[in-house]
Amino acid sequence: MQKFIFLFLLLALGVFSCEEQESTVVIANPPAEGFNLAESDEKAIAIADEVMEAMGGRQAWDDTRYIQWTFMGRRHLLWDKQTGRIRVESPGDSSVYLVNVFDKTGKVLLRGSDISQTDSIGKYVERGESIWINDSYWLLMPLKLKDSGVTLKYLKQDTMMGGKMADILQLTFNEIGRTPDNKYLVYVDPEDKLVKQWDFFTNFNDPKPRFSSPWEDYQTYGPLKLSGDRGRGQLTNIAIFEEVDESLFTNFETKLLD
């Protein structure tokens, strides 16, 4: 009888062990299709995963629907992350871009005139997408460290502009995006795992960055923690919504912000 009980316990422990091993195989932050896993190093990937978790976690990022922000006081943007629709309002030149970045379609109000039926509409749809690519990266880069076409490497620990130590990641692109020769150095605070600075290089081999700026003033917006302070430039009116007025993506006259 004792022998039977012993065998039963061994089997039960074996089953439990298998279940435990299977549960740990789950990838909490899988890379996007096309992420350069082969040339990215394990330490950099591990830090990128910690950044994602510190900012709210992969599930929160995947579930996020609408993101709104104002870029450097110049443009108001709204992004429907799940359908690819964007609205870019440029009050300075009375222009509005309503674009779907998934299928590259849209319509444009350029300097107050609807040019949606003109032969040049494709060029201006592309311009709207380019604005969104740039402005969203300034807001969301830490959540995109394992994006398609990215190679991520760990460089070293060094001090940031404020004197605090950080883990430095090198982020480069492999023939993707509007400016594939760009390079970023991304400074991650080893204590709270948040990005606190980035250095931008126009070309990979440039000896010095074109600019460096802080990532400060993290606040919670919906399920995510985001930063809007870039030193001399600010990202404001940041908000995350579950629902918005659908006419924002179809009607030039609907206003994103008061």
Protein backbone atom coordinates (compact mmCIF):
# COMPACT_ATOMS: atom_id res chain seq x y z
CA MET A 1 0.00 0.00 0.00
CA GLN A 2 2.81 2.41 0.91
CA LYS A 3 4.54 1.59 -2.40
CA PHE A 4 1.32 2.44 -4.31
CA ILE A 5 0.98 5.77 -2.49
CA PHE A 6 4.62 6.61 -3.26
CA LEU A 7 4.16 5.88 -6.98
CA PHE A 8 0.96 7.93 -7.05
CA LEU A 9 2.75 10.92 -5.51
CA LEU A 10 5.57 10.63 -8.04
CA LEU A 11 3.09 10.62 -10.92
CA ALA A 12 1.19 13.57 -9.48
CA LEU A 13 4.39 15.54 -9.03
CA GLY A 14 5.39 14.69 -12.59
CA VAL A 15 2.10 15.96 -13.99
CA PHE A 16 2.33 19.14 -11.92
CA SER A 17 5.92 19.68 -13.08
CA CYS A 18 4.93 19.32 -16.74
CA GLU A 19 2.06 21.77 -16.32
CA GLU A 20 4.36 24.23 -14.58
CA GLN A 21 6.95 23.95 -17.37
CA GLU A 22 4.29 24.46 -20.03
CA SER A 23 2.98 27.58 -18.29
CA THR A 24 6.44 29.17 -18.22
CA VAL A 25 6.84 28.76 -21.97
CA VAL A 26 4.26 31.51 -22.62
CA ILE A 27 5.93 34.52 -24.27
CA ALA A 28 4.84 37.67 -22.47
CA ASN A 29 6.07 40.08 -25.15
CA PRO A 30 6.52 38.35 -28.51
CA PRO A 31 8.41 40.31 -31.20
CA ALA A 32 6.60 41.72 -34.20
CA GLU A 33 6.89 39.78 -37.42
CA GLY A 34 10.15 40.86 -39.06
CA PHE A 35 11.96 41.81 -35.84
CA ASN A 36 15.64 40.90 -36.33
CA LEU A 37 15.83 38.24 -33.64
CA ALA A 38 18.95 36.60 -35.11
CA GLU A 39 21.12 39.73 -34.77
CA SER A 40 19.57 41.18 -31.61
CA ASP A 41 21.12 40.06 -28.32
CA GLU A 42 19.39 38.41 -25.39
CA LYS A 43 20.19 41.08 -22.82
CA ALA A 44 18.74 43.86 -24.98
CA ILE A 45 15.60 41.81 -25.63
CA ALA A 46 15.20 41.09 -21.91
CA ILE A 47 15.44 44.81 -21.09
CA ALA A 48 12.92 45.64 -23.85
CA ASP A 49 10.51 43.18 -22.25
CA GLU A 50 11.02 44.84 -18.86
CA VAL A 51 10.27 48.23 -20.43
CA MET A 52 7.02 46.90 -21.91
CA GLU A 53 5.98 45.52 -18.53
CA ALA A 54 6.86 48.76 -16.71
CA MET A 55 4.69 50.73 -19.14
CA GLY A 56 1.62 48.57 -18.53
CA GLY A 57 2.35 45.24 -20.15
CA ARG A 58 1.91 43.71 -23.58
CA GLN A 59 -1.74 42.82 -23.11
CA ALA A 60 -2.58 46.43 -22.25
CA TRP A 61 -0.68 47.65 -25.32
CA ASP A 62 -2.39 45.13 -27.61
CA ASP A 63 -5.84 46.01 -26.23
CA THR A 64 -5.37 49.79 -26.54
CA ARG A 65 -7.72 51.21 -29.18
CA TYR A 66 -7.60 55.01 -29.54
CA ILE A 67 -4.59 57.20 -28.69
CA GLN A 68 -4.69 61.00 -28.84
CA TRP A 69 -1.87 63.52 -28.42
CA THR A 70 -0.56 66.92 -29.55
CA PHE A 71 2.92 66.98 -31.06
CA MET A 72 5.08 69.92 -29.95
CA GLY A 73 2.09 72.27 -30.01
CA ARG A 74 1.94 71.98 -33.81
CA ARG A 75 -0.28 69.02 -34.65
CA HIS A 76 -3.17 67.14 -33.04
CA LEU A 77 -3.34 63.40 -33.72
CA LEU A 78 -5.79 60.57 -33.13
CA TRP A 79 -4.87 56.97 -33.95
CA ASP A 80 -7.23 54.02 -34.11
CA LYS A 81 -4.61 51.41 -33.38
CA GLN A 82 -6.81 48.46 -34.27
CA THR A 83 -8.04 49.62 -37.69
CA GLY A 84 -5.11 51.79 -38.80
CA ARG A 85 -7.17 54.97 -39.15
CA ILE A 86 -5.50 58.25 -38.23
CA ARG A 87 -6.56 61.87 -38.01
CA VAL A 88 -3.87 64.55 -38.20
CA GLU A 89 -4.92 68.16 -37.68
CA SER A 90 -2.41 70.87 -38.58
CA PRO A 91 -3.98 74.17 -37.44
CA GLY A 92 -0.99 76.21 -38.62
CA ASP A 93 -1.80 75.61 -42.29
CA SER A 94 -5.50 74.64 -41.95
CA SER A 95 -4.82 71.07 -43.10
CA VAL A 96 -6.41 67.79 -42.01
CA TYR A 97 -5.29 64.30 -43.02
CA LEU A 98 -7.74 61.39 -42.70
CA VAL A 99 -5.74 58.31 -43.61
CA ASN A 100 -5.81 54.55 -43.16
CA VAL A 101 -2.20 53.47 -42.75
CA PHE A 102 -3.11 49.84 -43.37
CA ASP A 103 -4.52 50.24 -46.89
CA LYS A 104 -2.91 53.64 -47.71
CA THR A 105 -6.24 55.30 -48.52
CA GLY A 106 -7.68 58.56 -47.28
CA LYS A 107 -8.69 62.11 -47.97
CA VAL A 108 -6.98 65.40 -47.26
CA LEU A 109 -7.96 68.98 -46.54
CA LEU A 110 -4.92 70.97 -47.65
CA ARG A 111 -4.73 74.61 -46.56
CA GLY A 112 -8.51 74.65 -46.27
CA SER A 113 -9.27 73.00 -49.65
CA ASP A 114 -10.47 69.42 -50.11
CA ILE A 115 -8.04 67.81 -52.57
CA SER A 116 -9.38 64.26 -52.15
CA GLN A 117 -10.43 63.98 -55.83
CA THR A 118 -7.23 65.35 -57.32
CA ASP A 119 -4.42 63.35 -58.95
CA SER A 120 -2.02 64.33 -56.17
CA ILE A 121 -4.06 62.77 -53.35
CA GLY A 122 -1.70 59.78 -53.08
CA LYS A 123 1.23 62.06 -52.32
CA TYR A 124 -0.67 63.79 -49.53
CA VAL A 125 -2.00 60.56 -48.07
CA GLU A 126 1.64 59.48 -47.86
CA ARG A 127 2.52 62.79 -46.20
CA GLY A 128 -0.16 62.21 -43.57
CA GLU A 129 1.22 58.75 -42.88
CA SER A 130 4.76 60.13 -42.60
CA ILE A 131 3.61 62.71 -40.05
CA TRP A 132 1.95 59.97 -38.00
CA ILE A 133 5.06 57.73 -38.19
CA ASN A 134 7.25 60.52 -36.83
CA ASP A 135 4.87 61.91 -34.21
CA SER A 136 3.79 58.52 -32.84
CA TYR A 137 7.42 57.40 -32.50
CA TRP A 138 8.15 60.41 -30.30
CA LEU A 139 5.34 59.25 -28.01
CA LEU A 140 5.45 55.45 -28.21
CA MET A 141 9.00 54.39 -29.09
CA PRO A 142 9.59 52.40 -25.85
CA LEU A 143 6.61 50.19 -26.71
CA LYS A 144 8.07 49.51 -30.16
CA LEU A 145 11.54 48.24 -29.27
CA LYS A 146 10.76 44.86 -30.86
CA ASP A 147 9.01 46.19 -33.95
CA SER A 148 9.35 44.81 -37.45
CA GLY A 149 12.72 45.59 -39.01
CA VAL A 150 14.38 46.54 -35.72
CA THR A 151 17.74 45.20 -34.53
CA LEU A 152 18.31 45.69 -30.80
CA LYS A 153 21.68 45.43 -29.06
CA TYR A 154 22.89 46.06 -25.52
CA LEU A 155 25.86 48.43 -25.46
CA LYS A 156 26.82 49.28 -21.88
CA GLN A 157 25.91 51.14 -18.72
CA ASP A 158 26.62 54.86 -18.77
CA THR A 159 25.29 58.11 -17.36
CA MET A 160 22.38 60.07 -18.75
CA MET A 161 22.24 63.86 -19.11
CA GLY A 162 21.15 64.19 -15.48
CA GLY A 163 24.06 62.06 -14.26
CA LYS A 164 22.11 58.91 -13.38
CA MET A 165 23.27 55.51 -14.64
CA ALA A 166 21.29 53.72 -17.33
CA ASP A 167 21.43 50.62 -19.49
CA ILE A 168 21.98 51.72 -23.08
CA LEU A 169 20.35 49.91 -25.99
CA GLN A 170 21.22 50.49 -29.64
CA LEU A 171 18.22 50.49 -31.97
CA THR A 172 18.75 50.24 -35.74
CA PHE A 173 16.51 49.47 -38.71
CA ASN A 174 16.84 46.95 -41.51
CA GLU A 175 15.51 48.48 -44.75
CA ILE A 176 12.24 49.59 -43.21
CA GLY A 177 10.51 52.89 -42.66
CA ARG A 178 11.12 56.28 -44.25
CA THR A 179 14.66 56.66 -42.83
CA PRO A 180 16.28 53.22 -42.47
CA ASP A 181 19.78 54.66 -41.85
CA ASN A 182 18.74 56.22 -38.52
CA LYS A 183 20.12 54.96 -35.24
CA TYR A 184 18.91 55.52 -31.69
CA LEU A 185 20.58 54.99 -28.35
CA VAL A 186 17.88 54.29 -25.78
CA TYR A 187 18.68 54.83 -22.07
CA VAL A 188 16.73 52.60 -19.68
CA ASP A 189 16.64 53.33 -15.95
CA PRO A 190 17.69 50.06 -14.24
CA GLU A 191 15.51 50.87 -11.22
CA ASP A 192 12.06 51.48 -12.70
CA LYS A 193 12.79 49.99 -16.18
CA LEU A 194 11.50 53.09 -17.98
CA VAL A 195 13.20 54.82 -20.91
CA LYS A 196 14.57 58.15 -19.64
CA GLN A 197 16.58 59.46 -22.63
CA TRP A 198 17.24 58.88 -26.31
CA ASP A 199 20.04 59.96 -28.65
CA PHE A 200 19.23 60.26 -32.35
CA PHE A 201 21.79 59.67 -35.12
CA THR A 202 20.83 60.48 -38.70
CA ASN A 203 23.24 57.81 -39.95
CA PHE A 204 24.57 54.74 -38.18
CA ASN A 205 28.23 55.78 -38.37
CA ASP A 206 27.77 59.39 -37.24
CA PRO A 207 30.26 60.09 -34.42
CA LYS A 208 27.83 62.24 -32.46
CA PRO A 209 24.04 62.30 -32.11
CA ARG A 210 22.04 64.91 -33.96
CA PHE A 211 20.18 65.49 -30.70
CA SER A 212 19.58 64.00 -27.27
CA SER A 213 16.45 64.53 -25.24
CA PRO A 214 14.96 63.25 -21.98
CA TRP A 215 11.88 61.06 -21.58
CA GLU A 216 10.36 62.44 -18.40
CA ASP A 217 7.02 63.10 -16.69
CA TYR A 218 5.60 59.59 -17.02
CA GLN A 219 1.90 59.48 -16.21
CA THR A 220 -0.78 56.83 -16.43
CA TYR A 221 -3.19 57.10 -19.35
CA GLY A 222 -5.77 54.33 -19.39
CA PRO A 223 -3.80 51.09 -18.97
CA LEU A 224 -0.46 52.56 -20.12
CA LYS A 225 2.29 54.68 -18.59
CA LEU A 226 3.55 57.26 -21.11
CA SER A 227 5.99 60.17 -21.11
CA GLY A 228 5.34 63.56 -22.72
CA ASP A 229 8.38 65.60 -21.66
CA ARG A 230 11.14 65.82 -24.31
CA GLY A 231 13.04 68.68 -22.74
CA ARG A 232 12.65 71.62 -25.12
CA GLY A 233 9.62 69.96 -26.75
CA GLN A 234 6.43 68.64 -25.20
CA LEU A 235 3.80 66.09 -26.15
CA THR A 236 0.52 67.21 -24.60
CA ASN A 237 -3.19 66.32 -24.54
CA ILE A 238 -2.25 62.66 -24.25
CA ALA A 239 -5.27 60.42 -23.78
CA ILE A 240 -6.39 56.86 -24.39
CA PHE A 241 -10.02 56.12 -25.21
CA GLU A 242 -12.13 53.03 -25.68
CA GLU A 243 -14.63 54.94 -27.85
CA VAL A 244 -14.53 58.14 -29.93
CA ASP A 245 -16.82 60.02 -32.32
CA GLU A 246 -16.50 58.03 -35.58
CA SER A 247 -16.90 61.21 -37.63
CA LEU A 248 -13.39 62.18 -36.55
CA PHE A 249 -12.11 59.74 -39.17
CA THR A 250 -14.49 60.84 -41.94
CA ASN A 251 -15.38 64.51 -41.47
CA PHE A 252 -12.93 67.39 -41.82
CA GLU A 253 -15.21 69.66 -39.82
CA THR A 254 -15.25 67.53 -36.66
CA LYS A 255 -12.67 68.90 -34.24
CA LEU A 256 -10.32 66.68 -32.29
CA LEU A 257 -9.57 69.25 -29.59
CA ASP A 258 -11.21 72.50 -28.44
